PDB file of N, CA and C in Angstrom:
ATOM      1  N   MET A   1       5.832  10.364  13.681  1.00  0.00           N
ATOM      2  CA  MET A   1       5.288   9.156  13.859  1.00  0.00           C
ATOM      3  C   MET A   1       5.178   8.289  12.598  1.00  0.00           C
ATOM      4  N   GLU A   2       5.295   6.947  12.849  1.00  0.00           N
ATOM      5  CA  GLU A   2       5.275   6.200  11.583  1.00  0.00           C
ATOM      6  C   GLU A   2       3.654   5.876  11.270  1.00  0.00           C
ATOM      7  N   CYS A   3       3.389   5.761  10.149  1.00  0.00           N
ATOM      8  CA  CYS A   3       2.023   5.363   9.656  1.00  0.00           C
ATOM      9  C   CYS A   3       2.159   4.309   8.575  1.00  0.00           C
ATOM     10  N   ILE A   4       1.627   3.140   8.800  1.00  0.00           N
ATOM     11  CA  ILE A   4       1.757   2.110   7.874  1.00  0.00           C
ATOM     12  C   ILE A   4       0.372   1.972   6.966  1.00  0.00           C
ATOM     13  N   VAL A   5       0.583   2.193   5.717  1.00  0.00           N
ATOM     14  CA  VAL A   5      -0.639   2.310   4.806  1.00  0.00           C
ATOM     15  C   VAL A   5      -0.741   0.928   4.076  1.00  0.00           C
ATOM     16  N   HIS A   6      -1.920   0.328   4.340  1.00  0.00           N
ATOM     17  CA  HIS A   6      -2.138  -0.877   3.840  1.00  0.00           C
ATOM     18  C   HIS A   6      -3.081  -0.623   2.425  1.00  0.00           C
ATOM     19  N   PHE A   7      -2.700  -1.374   1.295  1.00  0.00           N
ATOM     20  CA  PHE A   7      -3.454  -1.100   0.103  1.00  0.00           C
ATOM     21  C   PHE A   7      -3.323  -2.218  -0.748  1.00  0.00           C
ATOM     22  N   GLU A   8      -4.338  -2.233  -1.606  1.00  0.00           N
ATOM     23  CA  GLU A   8      -4.452  -3.282  -2.703  1.00  0.00           C
ATOM     24  C   GLU A   8      -4.137  -2.743  -4.027  1.00  0.00           C
ATOM     25  N   VAL A   9      -3.295  -3.521  -4.733  1.00  0.00           N
ATOM     26  CA  VAL A   9      -2.948  -3.226  -6.140  1.00  0.00           C
ATOM     27  C   VAL A   9      -3.707  -4.090  -7.123  1.00  0.00           C
ATOM     28  N   LEU A  10      -4.636  -3.612  -7.942  1.00  0.00           N
ATOM     29  CA  LEU A  10      -5.332  -4.526  -8.699  1.00  0.00           C
ATOM     30  C   LEU A  10      -4.680  -4.674  -9.936  1.00  0.00           C
ATOM     31  N   HIS A  11      -4.208  -6.052 -10.230  1.00  0.00           N
ATOM     32  CA  HIS A  11      -3.529  -6.467 -11.422  1.00  0.00           C
ATOM     33  C   HIS A  11      -4.594  -7.242 -12.296  1.00  0.00           C
ATOM     34  N   SER A  12      -4.383  -7.581 -13.411  1.00  0.00           N
ATOM     35  CA  SER A  12      -5.292  -8.435 -14.222  1.00  0.00           C
ATOM     36  C   SER A  12      -5.384  -9.845 -13.753  1.00  0.00           C
ATOM     37  N   SER A  13      -4.293 -10.356 -12.982  1.00  0.00           N
ATOM     38  CA  SER A  13      -4.239 -11.577 -12.476  1.00  0.00           C
ATOM     39  C   SER A  13      -5.068 -11.692 -10.960  1.00  0.00           C
ATOM     40  N   GLY A  14      -5.476 -10.517 -10.576  1.00  0.00           N
ATOM     41  CA  GLY A  14      -6.070 -10.294  -9.200  1.00  0.00           C
ATOM     42  C   GLY A  14      -5.509  -9.313  -8.287  1.00  0.00           C
ATOM     43  N   PRO A  15      -6.023  -8.939  -7.267  1.00  0.00           N
ATOM     44  CA  PRO A  15      -5.615  -8.086  -6.299  1.00  0.00           C
ATOM     45  C   PRO A  15      -4.323  -8.612  -5.483  1.00  0.00           C
ATOM     46  N   LYS A  16      -3.269  -7.619  -5.184  1.00  0.00           N
ATOM     47  CA  LYS A  16      -2.314  -7.975  -4.409  1.00  0.00           C
ATOM     48  C   LYS A  16      -2.059  -6.948  -3.226  1.00  0.00           C
ATOM     49  N   SER A  17      -2.194  -7.534  -2.078  1.00  0.00           N
ATOM     50  CA  SER A  17      -2.192  -6.648  -0.876  1.00  0.00           C
ATOM     51  C   SER A  17      -0.617  -6.264  -0.461  1.00  0.00           C
ATOM     52  N   LEU A  18      -0.491  -4.895  -0.314  1.00  0.00           N
ATOM     53  CA  LEU A  18       0.829  -4.396  -0.050  1.00  0.00           C
ATOM     54  C   LEU A  18       0.794  -3.318   1.062  1.00  0.00           C
ATOM     55  N   ARG A  19       1.972  -3.011   1.583  1.00  0.00           N
ATOM     56  CA  ARG A  19       2.013  -1.924   2.596  1.00  0.00           C
ATOM     57  C   ARG A  19       3.124  -0.959   2.225  1.00  0.00           C
ATOM     58  N   GLY A  20       2.876   0.303   2.743  1.00  0.00           N
ATOM     59  CA  GLY A  20       3.813   1.344   2.518  1.00  0.00           C
ATOM     60  C   GLY A  20       4.019   2.057   3.886  1.00  0.00           C
ATOM     61  N   LEU A  21       5.040   2.802   4.031  1.00  0.00           N
ATOM     62  CA  LEU A  21       5.344   3.580   5.262  1.00  0.00           C
ATOM     63  C   LEU A  21       5.518   4.935   5.051  1.00  0.00           C
ATOM     64  N   LEU A  22       4.736   5.722   5.835  1.00  0.00           N
ATOM     65  CA  LEU A  22       4.893   7.215   5.758  1.00  0.00           C
ATOM     66  C   LEU A  22       5.289   7.638   7.234  1.00  0.00           C
ATOM     67  N   PHE A  23       5.819   8.821   7.323  1.00  0.00           N
ATOM     68  CA  PHE A  23       6.196   9.459   8.550  1.00  0.00           C
ATOM     69  C   PHE A  23       5.303  10.798   8.685  1.00  0.00           C
ATOM     70  N   ILE A  24       4.512  10.827   9.654  1.00  0.00           N
ATOM     71  CA  ILE A  24       3.528  12.029   9.746  1.00  0.00           C
ATOM     72  C   ILE A  24       3.667  12.650  11.263  1.00  0.00           C
ATOM     73  N   GLU A  25       3.199  13.722  11.309  1.00  0.00           N
ATOM     74  CA  GLU A  25       3.085  14.377  12.633  1.00  0.00           C
ATOM     75  C   GLU A  25       2.009  13.777  13.540  1.00  0.00           C
ATOM     76  N   GLU A  26       2.284  13.501  14.859  1.00  0.00           N
ATOM     77  CA  GLU A  26       1.237  12.961  15.666  1.00  0.00           C
ATOM     78  C   GLU A  26      -0.046  13.898  15.584  1.00  0.00           C
ATOM     79  N   GLY A  27      -1.133  13.039  15.443  1.00  0.00           N
ATOM     80  CA  GLY A  27      -2.463  13.724  15.538  1.00  0.00           C
ATOM     81  C   GLY A  27      -2.897  14.134  14.067  1.00  0.00           C
ATOM     82  N   THR A  28      -2.126  13.800  13.190  1.00  0.00           N
ATOM     83  CA  THR A  28      -2.513  14.279  11.716  1.00  0.00           C
ATOM     84  C   THR A  28      -2.740  12.874  10.842  1.00  0.00           C
ATOM     85  N   VAL A  29      -3.203  13.039   9.751  1.00  0.00           N
ATOM     86  CA  VAL A  29      -3.426  11.897   8.686  1.00  0.00           C
ATOM     87  C   VAL A  29      -2.674  12.317   7.533  1.00  0.00           C
ATOM     88  N   PRO A  30      -2.293  11.267   6.628  1.00  0.00           N
ATOM     89  CA  PRO A  30      -1.537  11.600   5.451  1.00  0.00           C
ATOM     90  C   PRO A  30      -2.474  12.334   4.465  1.00  0.00           C
ATOM     91  N   ASP A  31      -1.676  13.167   3.722  1.00  0.00           N
ATOM     92  CA  ASP A  31      -2.506  13.963   2.802  1.00  0.00           C
ATOM     93  C   ASP A  31      -2.259  13.269   1.363  1.00  0.00           C
ATOM     94  N   GLU A  32      -2.950  13.942   0.275  1.00  0.00           N
ATOM     95  CA  GLU A  32      -2.834  13.446  -1.048  1.00  0.00           C
ATOM     96  C   GLU A  32      -1.305  13.336  -1.525  1.00  0.00           C
ATOM     97  N   LYS A  33      -0.596  14.462  -1.463  1.00  0.00           N
ATOM     98  CA  LYS A  33       0.682  14.458  -1.820  1.00  0.00           C
ATOM     99  C   LYS A  33       1.636  13.478  -1.166  1.00  0.00           C
ATOM    100  N   GLN A  34       1.608  13.168   0.143  1.00  0.00           N
ATOM    101  CA  GLN A  34       2.295  12.213   0.904  1.00  0.00           C
ATOM    102  C   GLN A  34       1.943  10.837   0.356  1.00  0.00           C
ATOM    103  N   LEU A  35       0.752  10.522   0.178  1.00  0.00           N
ATOM    104  CA  LEU A  35       0.309   9.195  -0.450  1.00  0.00           C
ATOM    105  C   LEU A  35       0.882   8.987  -1.797  1.00  0.00           C
ATOM    106  N   ILE A  36       0.694  10.016  -2.608  1.00  0.00           N
ATOM    107  CA  ILE A  36       1.264   9.840  -4.120  1.00  0.00           C
ATOM    108  C   ILE A  36       2.751   9.749  -4.044  1.00  0.00           C
ATOM    109  N   ASP A  37       3.374  10.526  -3.216  1.00  0.00           N
ATOM    110  CA  ASP A  37       4.934  10.451  -2.988  1.00  0.00           C
ATOM    111  C   ASP A  37       5.434   9.029  -2.509  1.00  0.00           C
ATOM    112  N   MET A  38       4.607   8.420  -1.523  1.00  0.00           N
ATOM    113  CA  MET A  38       4.881   7.153  -1.137  1.00  0.00           C
ATOM    114  C   MET A  38       4.702   6.161  -2.191  1.00  0.00           C
ATOM    115  N   PHE A  39       3.729   6.206  -2.946  1.00  0.00           N
ATOM    116  CA  PHE A  39       3.497   5.306  -4.157  1.00  0.00           C
ATOM    117  C   PHE A  39       4.619   5.475  -5.101  1.00  0.00           C
ATOM    118  N   LYS A  40       5.007   6.611  -5.496  1.00  0.00           N
ATOM    119  CA  LYS A  40       6.108   6.890  -6.381  1.00  0.00           C
ATOM    120  C   LYS A  40       7.467   6.204  -5.992  1.00  0.00           C
ATOM    121  N   GLU A  41       7.790   6.387  -4.709  1.00  0.00           N
ATOM    122  CA  GLU A  41       8.973   5.693  -4.198  1.00  0.00           C
ATOM    123  C   GLU A  41       8.870   4.201  -4.293  1.00  0.00           C
ATOM    124  N   MET A  42       7.685   3.638  -4.358  1.00  0.00           N
ATOM    125  CA  MET A  42       7.415   2.171  -4.640  1.00  0.00           C
ATOM    126  C   MET A  42       7.283   1.866  -6.135  1.00  0.00           C
ATOM    127  N   LYS A  43       7.516   2.860  -6.997  1.00  0.00           N
ATOM    128  CA  LYS A  43       7.461   2.657  -8.403  1.00  0.00           C
ATOM    129  C   LYS A  43       6.163   2.535  -8.933  1.00  0.00           C
ATOM    130  N   PHE A  44       5.116   3.303  -8.336  1.00  0.00           N
ATOM    131  CA  PHE A  44       3.776   3.253  -8.826  1.00  0.00           C
ATOM    132  C   PHE A  44       3.565   4.851  -9.005  1.00  0.00           C
ATOM    133  N   ASP A  45       3.451   5.245 -10.261  1.00  0.00           N
ATOM    134  CA  ASP A  45       3.182   6.601 -10.768  1.00  0.00           C
ATOM    135  C   ASP A  45       1.665   6.682 -10.813  1.00  0.00           C
ATOM    136  N   VAL A  46       1.025   7.282  -9.864  1.00  0.00           N
ATOM    137  CA  VAL A  46      -0.375   7.358  -9.758  1.00  0.00           C
ATOM    138  C   VAL A  46      -0.878   8.868  -9.555  1.00  0.00           C
ATOM    139  N   ARG A  47      -2.243   8.797  -9.703  1.00  0.00           N
ATOM    140  CA  ARG A  47      -3.016  10.121  -9.421  1.00  0.00           C
ATOM    141  C   ARG A  47      -4.219   9.745  -8.630  1.00  0.00           C
ATOM    142  N   LEU A  48      -4.691  10.532  -7.818  1.00  0.00           N
ATOM    143  CA  LEU A  48      -5.894  10.270  -7.071  1.00  0.00           C
ATOM    144  C   LEU A  48      -7.061  10.329  -8.094  1.00  0.00           C
ATOM    145  N   ASP A  49      -7.933   9.198  -8.020  1.00  0.00           N
ATOM    146  CA  ASP A  49      -9.068   9.210  -8.972  1.00  0.00           C
ATOM    147  C   ASP A  49     -10.247   9.271  -8.198  1.00  0.00           C
ATOM    148  N   ASP A  50     -10.395   8.758  -6.988  1.00  0.00           N
ATOM    149  CA  ASP A  50     -11.739   8.789  -6.238  1.00  0.00           C
ATOM    150  C   ASP A  50     -11.428   9.066  -4.863  1.00  0.00           C
ATOM    151  N   ARG A  51     -11.571  10.370  -4.434  1.00  0.00           N
ATOM    152  CA  ARG A  51     -11.220  10.882  -3.107  1.00  0.00           C
ATOM    153  C   ARG A  51     -12.040  10.158  -2.000  1.00  0.00           C
ATOM    154  N   GLU A  52     -13.239   9.842  -2.280  1.00  0.00           N
ATOM    155  CA  GLU A  52     -14.064   9.154  -1.227  1.00  0.00           C
ATOM    156  C   GLU A  52     -13.665   7.761  -0.937  1.00  0.00           C
ATOM    157  N   LYS A  53     -13.290   7.043  -2.021  1.00  0.00           N
ATOM    158  CA  LYS A  53     -12.874   5.659  -1.749  1.00  0.00           C
ATOM    159  C   LYS A  53     -11.511   5.388  -1.698  1.00  0.00           C
ATOM    160  N   LEU A  54     -10.732   6.428  -1.840  1.00  0.00           N
ATOM    161  CA  LEU A  54      -9.278   6.359  -1.711  1.00  0.00           C
ATOM    162  C   LEU A  54      -8.704   5.434  -2.821  1.00  0.00           C
ATOM    163  N   ILE A  55      -9.087   5.754  -4.043  1.00  0.00           N
ATOM    164  CA  ILE A  55      -8.705   4.907  -5.187  1.00  0.00           C
ATOM    165  C   ILE A  55      -7.711   5.784  -6.050  1.00  0.00           C
ATOM    166  N   PHE A  56      -6.556   5.207  -6.229  1.00  0.00           N
ATOM    167  CA  PHE A  56      -5.593   5.894  -7.192  1.00  0.00           C
ATOM    168  C   PHE A  56      -5.420   5.099  -8.466  1.00  0.00           C
ATOM    169  N   LYS A  57      -5.261   5.911  -9.630  1.00  0.00           N
ATOM    170  CA  LYS A  57      -5.183   5.251 -10.927  1.00  0.00           C
ATOM    171  C   LYS A  57      -3.660   5.498 -11.432  1.00  0.00           C
ATOM    172  N   PRO A  58      -3.176   4.610 -12.283  1.00  0.00           N
ATOM    173  CA  PRO A  58      -1.892   4.883 -12.859  1.00  0.00           C
ATOM    174  C   PRO A  58      -1.919   6.026 -13.858  1.00  0.00           C
ATOM    175  N   VAL A  59      -0.825   6.805 -13.880  1.00  0.00           N
ATOM    176  CA  VAL A  59      -0.690   7.904 -14.824  1.00  0.00           C
ATOM    177  C   VAL A  59      -0.510   7.337 -16.191  1.00  0.00           C
ATOM    178  N   ASP A  60       0.280   6.281 -16.287  1.00  0.00           N
ATOM    179  CA  ASP A  60       0.496   5.547 -17.492  1.00  0.00           C
ATOM    180  C   ASP A  60      -0.627   4.593 -17.879  1.00  0.00           C
ATOM    181  N   PRO A  61      -1.326   4.650 -18.893  1.00  0.00           N
ATOM    182  CA  PRO A  61      -2.347   3.705 -19.152  1.00  0.00           C
ATOM    183  C   PRO A  61      -1.793   2.339 -19.419  1.00  0.00           C
ATOM    184  N   GLY A  62      -0.530   2.180 -19.724  1.00  0.00           N
ATOM    185  CA  GLY A  62      -0.048   0.937 -20.161  1.00  0.00           C
ATOM    186  C   GLY A  62       0.747   0.144 -18.845  1.00  0.00           C
ATOM    187  N   ALA A  63       0.353   0.691 -17.731  1.00  0.00           N
ATOM    188  CA  ALA A  63       0.889   0.206 -16.505  1.00  0.00           C
ATOM    189  C   ALA A  63       0.422  -1.296 -16.219  1.00  0.00           C
ATOM    190  N   GLY A  64       1.109  -2.046 -15.521  1.00  0.00           N
ATOM    191  CA  GLY A  64       0.746  -3.400 -15.316  1.00  0.00           C
ATOM    192  C   GLY A  64      -0.497  -3.492 -14.333  1.00  0.00           C
ATOM    193  N   TYR A  65      -1.018  -2.554 -13.802  1.00  0.00           N
ATOM    194  CA  TYR A  65      -2.024  -2.624 -12.695  1.00  0.00           C
ATOM    195  C   TYR A  65      -3.105  -1.481 -13.175  1.00  0.00           C
ATOM    196  N   SER A  66      -4.445  -1.822 -12.708  1.00  0.00           N
ATOM    197  CA  SER A  66      -5.463  -0.851 -13.042  1.00  0.00           C
ATOM    198  C   SER A  66      -5.747   0.194 -11.937  1.00  0.00           C
ATOM    199  N   GLN A  67      -5.476  -0.109 -10.774  1.00  0.00           N
ATOM    200  CA  GLN A  67      -5.910   0.891  -9.707  1.00  0.00           C
ATOM    201  C   GLN A  67      -5.158   0.431  -8.448  1.00  0.00           C
ATOM    202  N   ILE A  68      -5.056   1.307  -7.464  1.00  0.00           N
ATOM    203  CA  ILE A  68      -4.545   1.064  -6.090  1.00  0.00           C
ATOM    204  C   ILE A  68      -5.634   1.685  -5.215  1.00  0.00           C
ATOM    205  N   ARG A  69      -6.071   0.717  -4.207  1.00  0.00           N
ATOM    206  CA  ARG A  69      -7.203   1.258  -3.275  1.00  0.00           C
ATOM    207  C   ARG A  69      -6.527   1.045  -1.792  1.00  0.00           C
ATOM    208  N   ILE A  70      -6.543   2.115  -1.022  1.00  0.00           N
ATOM    209  CA  ILE A  70      -6.169   2.110   0.337  1.00  0.00           C
ATOM    210  C   ILE A  70      -7.241   1.359   1.167  1.00  0.00           C
ATOM    211  N   THR A  71      -6.836   0.374   1.847  1.00  0.00           N
ATOM    212  CA  THR A  71      -7.768  -0.400   2.723  1.00  0.00           C
ATOM    213  C   THR A  71      -7.856  -0.012   4.128  1.00  0.00           C
ATOM    214  N   GLU A  72      -6.607   0.435   4.669  1.00  0.00           N
ATOM    215  CA  GLU A  72      -6.454   0.803   6.111  1.00  0.00           C
ATOM    216  C   GLU A  72      -5.024   1.271   6.426  1.00  0.00           C
ATOM    217  N   TYR A  73      -4.897   1.861   7.414  1.00  0.00           N
ATOM    218  CA  TYR A  73      -3.612   2.337   7.898  1.00  0.00           C
ATOM    219  C   TYR A  73      -3.473   2.110   9.458  1.00  0.00           C
ATOM    220  N   ASP A  74      -2.312   2.025   9.792  1.00  0.00           N
ATOM    221  CA  ASP A  74      -1.770   1.868  11.279  1.00  0.00           C
ATOM    222  C   ASP A  74      -0.915   3.029  11.627  1.00  0.00           C
ATOM    223  N   ALA A  75      -1.430   3.833  12.625  1.00  0.00           N
ATOM    224  CA  ALA A  75      -0.591   4.985  12.857  1.00  0.00           C
ATOM    225  C   ALA A  75       0.042   4.772  14.378  1.00  0.00           C
ATOM    226  N   GLY A  76       0.266   3.602  14.720  1.00  0.00           N
ATOM    227  CA  GLY A  76       0.843   3.329  15.978  1.00  0.00           C
ATOM    228  C   GLY A  76      -0.105   2.914  17.134  1.00  0.00           C
ATOM    229  N   GLY A  77      -1.248   3.262  17.005  1.00  0.00           N
ATOM    230  CA  GLY A  77      -2.297   2.905  18.007  1.00  0.00           C
ATOM    231  C   GLY A  77      -2.963   1.794  17.600  1.00  0.00           C
ATOM    232  N   GLY A  78      -2.584   0.903  16.782  1.00  0.00           N
ATOM    233  CA  GLY A  78      -3.313  -0.278  16.305  1.00  0.00           C
ATOM    234  C   GLY A  78      -3.992   0.076  14.879  1.00  0.00           C
ATOM    235  N   LYS A  79      -4.290  -0.960  14.279  1.00  0.00           N
ATOM    236  CA  LYS A  79      -4.935  -0.835  12.886  1.00  0.00           C
ATOM    237  C   LYS A  79      -6.139  -0.021  12.918  1.00  0.00           C
ATOM    238  N   SER A  80      -6.332   0.790  11.983  1.00  0.00           N
ATOM    239  CA  SER A  80      -7.650   1.564  11.857  1.00  0.00           C
ATOM    240  C   SER A  80      -8.246   1.129  10.607  1.00  0.00           C
ATOM    241  N   GLY A  81      -9.579   0.737  10.510  1.00  0.00           N
ATOM    242  CA  GLY A  81     -10.191   0.348   9.420  1.00  0.00           C
ATOM    243  C   GLY A  81     -10.743   1.661   8.592  1.00  0.00           C
ATOM    244  N   GLU A  82     -11.515   1.368   7.610  1.00  0.00           N
ATOM    245  CA  GLU A  82     -12.038   2.501   6.827  1.00  0.00           C
ATOM    246  C   GLU A  82     -12.940   3.224   7.492  1.00  0.00           C
ATOM    247  N   ASP A  83     -13.736   2.823   8.481  1.00  0.00           N
ATOM    248  CA  ASP A  83     -14.747   3.542   9.131  1.00  0.00           C
ATOM    249  C   ASP A  83     -14.405   4.851   9.828  1.00  0.00           C
ATOM    250  N   HIS A  84     -13.318   4.897  10.727  1.00  0.00           N
ATOM    251  CA  HIS A  84     -12.870   6.070  11.497  1.00  0.00           C
ATOM    252  C   HIS A  84     -11.810   6.831  10.868  1.00  0.00           C
ATOM    253  N   ASP A  85     -10.588   6.264  10.752  1.00  0.00           N
ATOM    254  CA  ASP A  85      -9.424   7.025  10.395  1.00  0.00           C
ATOM    255  C   ASP A  85      -9.345   7.238   8.935  1.00  0.00           C
ATOM    256  N   LEU A  86      -9.827   6.365   8.067  1.00  0.00           N
ATOM    257  CA  LEU A  86      -9.828   6.634   6.624  1.00  0.00           C
ATOM    258  C   LEU A  86     -10.713   7.754   6.266  1.00  0.00           C
ATOM    259  N   LYS A  87     -11.859   7.954   7.041  1.00  0.00           N
ATOM    260  CA  LYS A  87     -12.721   9.197   6.879  1.00  0.00           C
ATOM    261  C   LYS A  87     -12.095  10.435   7.189  1.00  0.00           C
ATOM    262  N   SER A  88     -11.175  10.226   8.100  1.00  0.00           N
ATOM    263  CA  SER A  88     -10.209  11.442   8.516  1.00  0.00           C
ATOM    264  C   SER A  88      -9.260  11.855   7.221  1.00  0.00           C
ATOM    265  N   ILE A  89      -8.782  10.904   6.589  1.00  0.00           N
ATOM    266  CA  ILE A  89      -7.998  10.945   5.486  1.00  0.00           C
ATOM    267  C   ILE A  89      -8.715  11.643   4.296  1.00  0.00           C
ATOM    268  N   ILE A  90      -9.956  11.020   4.101  1.00  0.00           N
ATOM    269  CA  ILE A  90     -10.812  11.616   3.117  1.00  0.00           C
ATOM    270  C   ILE A  90     -11.098  13.043   3.368  1.00  0.00           C
ATOM    271  N   GLY A  91     -11.393  13.445   4.530  1.00  0.00           N
ATOM    272  CA  GLY A  91     -11.557  14.807   4.960  1.00  0.00           C
ATOM    273  C   GLY A  91     -10.530  15.689   4.640  1.00  0.00           C
ATOM    274  N   ASN A  92      -9.301  15.171   4.827  1.00  0.00           N
ATOM    275  CA  ASN A  92      -7.990  15.961   4.607  1.00  0.00           C
ATOM    276  C   ASN A  92      -7.790  15.992   3.172  1.00  0.00           C
ATOM    277  N   LEU A  93      -8.244  15.052   2.344  1.00  0.00           N
ATOM    278  CA  LEU A  93      -8.053  15.112   0.811  1.00  0.00           C
ATOM    279  C   LEU A  93      -8.986  16.070   0.055  1.00  0.00           C
ATOM    280  N   LEU A  94     -10.277  16.118   0.559  1.00  0.00           N
ATOM    281  CA  LEU A  94     -11.234  16.768   0.128  1.00  0.00           C
ATOM    282  C   LEU A  94     -10.875  18.384   0.025  1.00  0.00           C
ATOM    283  N   PRO A  95     -11.219  19.135  -1.029  1.00  0.00           N
ATOM    284  CA  PRO A  95     -10.962  20.521  -0.977  1.00  0.00           C
ATOM    285  C   PRO A  95     -11.851  21.100   0.167  1.00  0.00           C
ATOM    286  N   GLN A  96     -11.191  22.188   0.799  1.00  0.00           N
ATOM    287  CA  GLN A  96     -11.839  22.781   1.833  1.00  0.00           C
ATOM    288  C   GLN A  96     -12.798  23.869   1.395  1.00  0.00           C
ATOM    289  N   LYS A  97     -13.997  23.792   1.885  1.00  0.00           N
ATOM    290  CA  LYS A  97     -15.030  24.849   1.541  1.00  0.00           C
ATOM    291  C   LYS A  97     -14.641  26.286   2.044  1.00  0.00           C
ATOM    292  N   PRO A  98     -14.888  27.243   1.080  1.00  0.00           N
ATOM    293  CA  PRO A  98     -14.387  28.485   1.446  1.00  0.00           C
ATOM    294  C   PRO A  98     -15.438  29.026   2.616  1.00  0.00           C
ATOM    295  N   SER A  99     -14.861  29.826   3.500  1.00  0.00           N
ATOM    296  CA  SER A  99     -15.587  30.145   4.611  1.00  0.00           C
ATOM    297  C   SER A  99     -16.538  31.546   4.152  1.00  0.00           C
ATOM    298  N   GLY A 100     -17.523  31.750   4.905  1.00  0.00           N
ATOM    299  CA  GLY A 100     -18.390  32.834   4.482  1.00  0.00           C
ATOM    300  C   GLY A 100     -17.782  34.269   4.859  1.00  0.00           C
ATOM    301  N   LEU A 101     -18.268  35.317   4.119  1.00  0.00           N
ATOM    302  CA  LEU A 101     -17.663  36.526   4.241  1.00  0.00           C
ATOM    303  C   LEU A 101     -18.235  37.137   5.549  1.00  0.00           C
TER     304      LEU A 101
END
């Protein structure tokens, strides 16, 4: 299933809104690797900086932008804001707590 990722790239001249495309399995959300790979294909070499706010920072400190922030994504059922579906992504990106013995 297609997932359109809406994000802002923060340049010194101001933010620029862009979109990327991912293919994910129905009922799932993009994970950290999928998002980083999508950005790499778009020539943004980034690392996840803030899991809760979905902020990515450039690996190269001399890059022409200071950060990328995911604002929403559309997984076919209409646009989803930060409230519901991005919380699902955040939950997927956060390390899983070990289960009790």
